[in-house]
Amino acid sequence: MVMTKKLTYRYAFTLMKMKNAEGRNEYMDLAKEANLLWHQIVSQKSKNTPRINCRA
């Protein structure tokens, strides 16, 4: 949970930096970083989600 919170803050901060990015290269670098952070957040959340075993 703590790791996801830190990643979420980093993700939000990266999005704010994108708003003030100067030039396409800086914007694209920040977009790539934001994308990686987003995937880390999603994978952390999926690890913490309890699995439901459904068998008919």
N, C-alpha and C. Protein backbone atom coordinates (compact mmCIF):
# COMPACT_ATOMS: atom_id res chain seq x y z
N MET A 1 0.82 -1.19 0.00
CA MET A 1 0.00 0.00 0.00
C MET A 1 0.87 1.26 0.00
N VAL A 2 1.91 1.27 0.82
CA VAL A 2 2.79 2.43 0.90
C VAL A 2 3.51 2.64 -0.44
N MET A 3 3.94 1.54 -1.05
CA MET A 3 4.63 1.64 -2.33
C MET A 3 3.71 2.21 -3.40
N THR A 4 2.46 1.78 -3.41
CA THR A 4 1.50 2.29 -4.38
C THR A 4 1.26 3.78 -4.16
N LYS A 5 1.21 4.21 -2.90
CA LYS A 5 1.00 5.62 -2.59
C LYS A 5 2.17 6.46 -3.11
N LYS A 6 3.39 5.99 -2.90
CA LYS A 6 4.57 6.72 -3.39
C LYS A 6 4.56 6.79 -4.90
N LEU A 7 4.23 5.68 -5.56
CA LEU A 7 4.17 5.67 -7.02
C LEU A 7 3.10 6.62 -7.53
N THR A 8 1.98 6.69 -6.83
CA THR A 8 0.89 7.58 -7.24
C THR A 8 1.33 9.04 -7.14
N TYR A 9 2.02 9.38 -6.06
CA TYR A 9 2.54 10.75 -5.91
C TYR A 9 3.55 11.07 -7.01
N ARG A 10 4.45 10.13 -7.29
CA ARG A 10 5.43 10.34 -8.36
C ARG A 10 4.74 10.51 -9.70
N TYR A 11 3.69 9.71 -9.93
CA TYR A 11 2.94 9.78 -11.19
C TYR A 11 2.28 11.17 -11.32
N ALA A 12 1.62 11.62 -10.26
CA ALA A 12 0.96 12.92 -10.30
C ALA A 12 1.98 14.05 -10.51
N PHE A 13 3.12 13.97 -9.84
CA PHE A 13 4.16 14.99 -9.99
C PHE A 13 4.70 15.01 -11.42
N THR A 14 4.84 13.82 -12.02
CA THR A 14 5.32 13.72 -13.40
C THR A 14 4.31 14.36 -14.35
N LEU A 15 3.03 14.13 -14.11
CA LEU A 15 2.00 14.76 -14.96
C LEU A 15 2.04 16.28 -14.84
N MET A 16 2.29 16.79 -13.63
CA MET A 16 2.40 18.24 -13.47
C MET A 16 3.62 18.78 -14.21
N LYS A 17 4.73 18.03 -14.16
CA LYS A 17 5.93 18.47 -14.88
C LYS A 17 5.67 18.47 -16.38
N MET A 18 4.86 17.52 -16.87
CA MET A 18 4.54 17.47 -18.30
C MET A 18 3.83 18.75 -18.74
N LYS A 19 2.98 19.28 -17.87
CA LYS A 19 2.23 20.49 -18.19
C LYS A 19 3.17 21.66 -18.47
N ASN A 20 4.32 21.69 -17.78
CA ASN A 20 5.27 22.80 -17.93
C ASN A 20 6.49 22.43 -18.76
N ALA A 21 6.43 21.29 -19.43
CA ALA A 21 7.58 20.84 -20.22
C ALA A 21 7.85 21.81 -21.37
N GLU A 22 9.13 21.99 -21.63
CA GLU A 22 9.53 22.86 -22.74
C GLU A 22 10.12 21.99 -23.83
N GLY A 23 9.45 21.95 -24.93
CA GLY A 23 9.95 21.17 -26.05
C GLY A 23 9.40 19.76 -26.08
N ARG A 24 9.39 19.22 -27.27
CA ARG A 24 8.81 17.90 -27.49
C ARG A 24 9.61 16.79 -26.80
N ASN A 25 10.93 16.89 -26.81
CA ASN A 25 11.76 15.84 -26.21
C ASN A 25 11.51 15.72 -24.71
N GLU A 26 11.47 16.84 -24.01
CA GLU A 26 11.22 16.79 -22.58
C GLU A 26 9.83 16.22 -22.30
N TYR A 27 8.85 16.65 -23.09
CA TYR A 27 7.48 16.17 -22.91
C TYR A 27 7.41 14.65 -23.13
N MET A 28 8.06 14.16 -24.18
CA MET A 28 8.04 12.73 -24.48
C MET A 28 8.75 11.92 -23.40
N ASP A 29 9.85 12.43 -22.88
CA ASP A 29 10.56 11.74 -21.79
C ASP A 29 9.67 11.63 -20.55
N LEU A 30 9.00 12.70 -20.23
CA LEU A 30 8.10 12.69 -19.07
C LEU A 30 6.90 11.77 -19.31
N ALA A 31 6.41 11.76 -20.54
CA ALA A 31 5.29 10.88 -20.87
C ALA A 31 5.69 9.41 -20.72
N LYS A 32 6.90 9.07 -21.14
CA LYS A 32 7.39 7.70 -20.99
C LYS A 32 7.52 7.33 -19.51
N GLU A 33 8.05 8.27 -18.72
CA GLU A 33 8.19 8.04 -17.28
C GLU A 33 6.82 7.85 -16.64
N ALA A 34 5.85 8.68 -17.01
CA ALA A 34 4.50 8.57 -16.47
C ALA A 34 3.88 7.23 -16.84
N ASN A 35 4.11 6.78 -18.06
CA ASN A 35 3.57 5.50 -18.52
C ASN A 35 4.15 4.35 -17.70
N LEU A 36 5.46 4.37 -17.47
CA LEU A 36 6.09 3.33 -16.66
C LEU A 36 5.55 3.33 -15.24
N LEU A 37 5.41 4.51 -14.66
CA LEU A 37 4.86 4.62 -13.31
C LEU A 37 3.44 4.07 -13.25
N TRP A 38 2.63 4.40 -14.27
CA TRP A 38 1.26 3.93 -14.30
C TRP A 38 1.22 2.39 -14.31
N HIS A 39 2.06 1.78 -15.13
CA HIS A 39 2.09 0.32 -15.20
C HIS A 39 2.56 -0.30 -13.87
N GLN A 40 3.48 0.37 -13.19
CA GLN A 40 3.92 -0.12 -11.87
C GLN A 40 2.78 -0.03 -10.86
N ILE A 41 2.01 1.06 -10.92
CA ILE A 41 0.88 1.23 -10.01
C ILE A 41 -0.15 0.13 -10.25
N VAL A 42 -0.47 -0.11 -11.50
CA VAL A 42 -1.47 -1.12 -11.84
C VAL A 42 -1.00 -2.51 -11.41
N SER A 43 0.27 -2.81 -11.62
CA SER A 43 0.77 -4.14 -11.23
C SER A 43 0.79 -4.29 -9.71
N GLN A 44 1.11 -3.22 -8.97
CA GLN A 44 1.08 -3.27 -7.51
C GLN A 44 -0.35 -3.51 -7.01
N LYS A 45 -1.30 -2.82 -7.61
CA LYS A 45 -2.69 -2.98 -7.19
C LYS A 45 -3.19 -4.38 -7.50
N SER A 46 -2.78 -4.94 -8.63
CA SER A 46 -3.25 -6.28 -8.97
C SER A 46 -2.63 -7.33 -8.05
N LYS A 47 -1.43 -7.07 -7.54
CA LYS A 47 -0.80 -7.99 -6.59
C LYS A 47 -1.55 -7.99 -5.25
N ASN A 48 -2.11 -6.83 -4.89
CA ASN A 48 -2.79 -6.68 -3.61
C ASN A 48 -4.25 -7.09 -3.66
N THR A 49 -4.77 -7.34 -4.85
CA THR A 49 -6.16 -7.73 -4.99
C THR A 49 -6.32 -9.21 -4.71
N PRO A 50 -7.22 -9.57 -3.81
CA PRO A 50 -7.41 -10.99 -3.52
C PRO A 50 -7.95 -11.73 -4.74
N ARG A 51 -7.46 -12.92 -4.93
CA ARG A 51 -7.90 -13.74 -6.07
C ARG A 51 -9.19 -14.47 -5.70
N ILE A 52 -10.08 -14.55 -6.66
CA ILE A 52 -11.34 -15.28 -6.46
C ILE A 52 -11.29 -16.52 -7.33
N ASN A 53 -11.39 -17.65 -6.70
CA ASN A 53 -11.38 -18.91 -7.44
C ASN A 53 -12.81 -19.33 -7.74
N CYS A 54 -13.16 -19.29 -9.02
CA CYS A 54 -14.51 -19.69 -9.43
C CYS A 54 -14.40 -20.98 -10.23
N ARG A 55 -15.00 -22.01 -9.70
CA ARG A 55 -15.05 -23.28 -10.42
C ARG A 55 -16.47 -23.80 -10.41
N ALA A 56 -16.93 -24.18 -11.57
CA ALA A 56 -18.32 -24.66 -11.67
C ALA A 56 -18.43 -26.12 -11.29
